[in-house]
C-alpha atoms as a PDB file:
ATOM      1  CA  UNK A   1    -101.551  36.572  89.230  1.00  0.00           C
ATOM      2  CA  UNK A   2    -105.196  37.650  90.557  1.00  0.00           C
ATOM      3  CA  UNK A   3    -108.246  37.943  87.900  1.00  0.00           C
ATOM      4  CA  UNK A   4    -111.142  39.910  88.743  1.00  0.00           C
ATOM      5  CA  UNK A   5    -114.382  39.983  86.873  1.00  0.00           C
ATOM      6  CA  UNK A   6    -115.316  43.616  85.819  1.00  0.00           C
ATOM      7  CA  UNK A   7    -118.622  44.835  87.105  1.00  0.00           C
ATOM      8  CA  UNK A   8    -121.563  44.554  84.741  1.00  0.00           C
ATOM      9  CA  UNK A   9    -123.863  47.701  84.332  1.00  0.00           C
ATOM     10  CA  UNK A  10    -126.970  47.652  82.362  1.00  0.00           C
ATOM     11  CA  UNK A  11    -128.699  50.741  81.038  1.00  0.00           C
ATOM     12  CA  UNK A  12    -132.104  51.075  79.339  1.00  0.00           C
ATOM     13  CA  UNK A  13    -133.592  54.501  78.437  1.00  0.00           C
ATOM     14  CA  UNK A  14    -130.990  56.217  80.437  1.00  0.00           C
ATOM     15  CA  UNK A  15    -131.581  54.533  83.746  1.00  0.00           C
ATOM     16  CA  UNK A  16    -129.075  52.070  85.240  1.00  0.00           C
ATOM     17  CA  UNK A  17    -130.626  48.598  86.321  1.00  0.00           C
ATOM     18  CA  UNK A  18    -129.194  46.482  88.692  1.00  0.00           C
ATOM     19  CA  UNK A  19    -127.476  43.181  87.740  1.00  0.00           C
ATOM     20  CA  UNK A  20    -130.053  40.590  89.030  1.00  0.00           C
ATOM     21  CA  UNK A  21    -127.522  37.729  88.902  1.00  0.00           C
ATOM     22  CA  UNK A  22    -123.490  37.906  87.748  1.00  0.00           C
ATOM     23  CA  UNK A  23    -124.235  34.291  86.485  1.00  0.00           C
ATOM     24  CA  UNK A  24    -126.968  35.186  84.187  1.00  0.00           C
ATOM     25  CA  UNK A  25    -126.231  36.165  80.319  1.00  0.00           C
ATOM     26  CA  UNK A  26    -127.078  39.421  78.906  1.00  0.00           C
ATOM     27  CA  UNK A  27    -130.018  37.849  77.103  1.00  0.00           C
ATOM     28  CA  UNK A  28    -131.252  36.295  80.276  1.00  0.00           C
ATOM     29  CA  UNK A  29    -130.979  39.709  82.017  1.00  0.00           C
ATOM     30  CA  UNK A  30    -133.317  41.236  79.198  1.00  0.00           C
ATOM     31  CA  UNK A  31    -135.663  38.677  79.650  1.00  0.00           C
ATOM     32  CA  UNK A  32    -135.712  39.343  83.431  1.00  0.00           C
ATOM     33  CA  UNK A  33    -136.163  43.161  83.014  1.00  0.00           C
ATOM     34  CA  UNK A  34    -138.952  42.390  80.261  1.00  0.00           C
ATOM     35  CA  UNK A  35    -141.572  41.924  82.995  1.00  0.00           C
ATOM     36  CA  UNK A  36    -141.323  45.473  83.775  1.00  0.00           C
ATOM     37  CA  UNK A  37    -140.278  46.967  80.276  1.00  0.00           C
ATOM     38  CA  UNK A  38    -141.999  44.486  77.818  1.00  0.00           C
ATOM     39  CA  UNK A  39    -140.559  46.373  74.826  1.00  0.00           C
ATOM     40  CA  UNK A  40    -137.086  44.537  75.901  1.00  0.00           C
ATOM     41  CA  UNK A  41    -138.684  41.585  74.313  1.00  0.00           C
ATOM     42  CA  UNK A  42    -137.768  43.080  70.838  1.00  0.00           C
ATOM     43  CA  UNK A  43    -134.283  44.732  71.889  1.00  0.00           C
ATOM     44  CA  UNK A  44    -130.637  44.182  71.427  1.00  0.00           C
ATOM     45  CA  UNK A  45    -127.700  45.559  73.306  1.00  0.00           C
ATOM     46  CA  UNK A  46    -124.537  47.612  72.537  1.00  0.00           C
ATOM     47  CA  UNK A  47    -121.523  46.325  74.858  1.00  0.00           C
ATOM     48  CA  UNK A  48    -118.862  48.905  75.986  1.00  0.00           C
ATOM     49  CA  UNK A  49    -116.100  48.876  78.563  1.00  0.00           C
ATOM     50  CA  UNK A  50    -115.888  51.955  80.435  1.00  0.00           C
ATOM     51  CA  UNK A  51    -114.526  53.054  83.786  1.00  0.00           C
ATOM     52  CA  UNK A  52    -113.348  49.521  84.716  1.00  0.00           C
ATOM     53  CA  UNK A  53    -116.926  47.804  84.136  1.00  0.00           C
ATOM     54  CA  UNK A  54    -118.901  46.529  81.115  1.00  0.00           C
ATOM     55  CA  UNK A  55    -121.734  48.806  80.119  1.00  0.00           C
ATOM     56  CA  UNK A  56    -124.607  47.069  78.259  1.00  0.00           C
ATOM     57  CA  UNK A  57    -127.228  49.585  76.890  1.00  0.00           C
ATOM     58  CA  UNK A  58    -130.412  48.042  75.890  1.00  0.00           C
ATOM     59  CA  UNK A  59    -131.855  49.204  72.616  1.00  0.00           C
ATOM     60  CA  UNK A  60    -135.430  48.577  71.337  1.00  0.00           C
ATOM     61  CA  UNK A  61    -135.543  47.388  67.818  1.00  0.00           C
ATOM     62  CA  UNK A  62    -139.336  47.354  67.575  1.00  0.00           C
ATOM     63  CA  UNK A  63    -140.711  49.598  64.956  1.00  0.00           C
ATOM     64  CA  UNK A  64    -137.237  50.115  63.570  1.00  0.00           C
ATOM     65  CA  UNK A  65    -137.602  48.030  60.411  1.00  0.00           C
ATOM     66  CA  UNK A  66    -137.728  50.246  57.153  1.00  0.00           C
ATOM     67  CA  UNK A  67    -141.417  50.339  55.733  1.00  0.00           C
ATOM     68  CA  UNK A  68    -141.318  49.995  51.859  1.00  0.00           C
ATOM     69  CA  UNK A  69    -144.576  50.905  50.328  1.00  0.00           C
ATOM     70  CA  UNK A  70    -145.036  49.102  46.909  1.00  0.00           C
ATOM     71  CA  UNK A  71    -146.828  50.917  44.105  1.00  0.00           C
ATOM     72  CA  UNK A  72    -149.174  49.189  41.955  1.00  0.00           C
END
């Protein structure tokens, strides 16, 4: 039996990003690309298997916290 790793595909803002190193974790890849896309410092990712590859879509969470205004 032969085991092959699925190709990783990283997507941010609809653009594909190259896998800088298959040995890196997804978090390390986000950190790597945060030099070019600083908003990745406050991001998460969604993982999906598509077309014999694993797609990681980076989603910015900055500014997504619900803001509650208190009345006095």
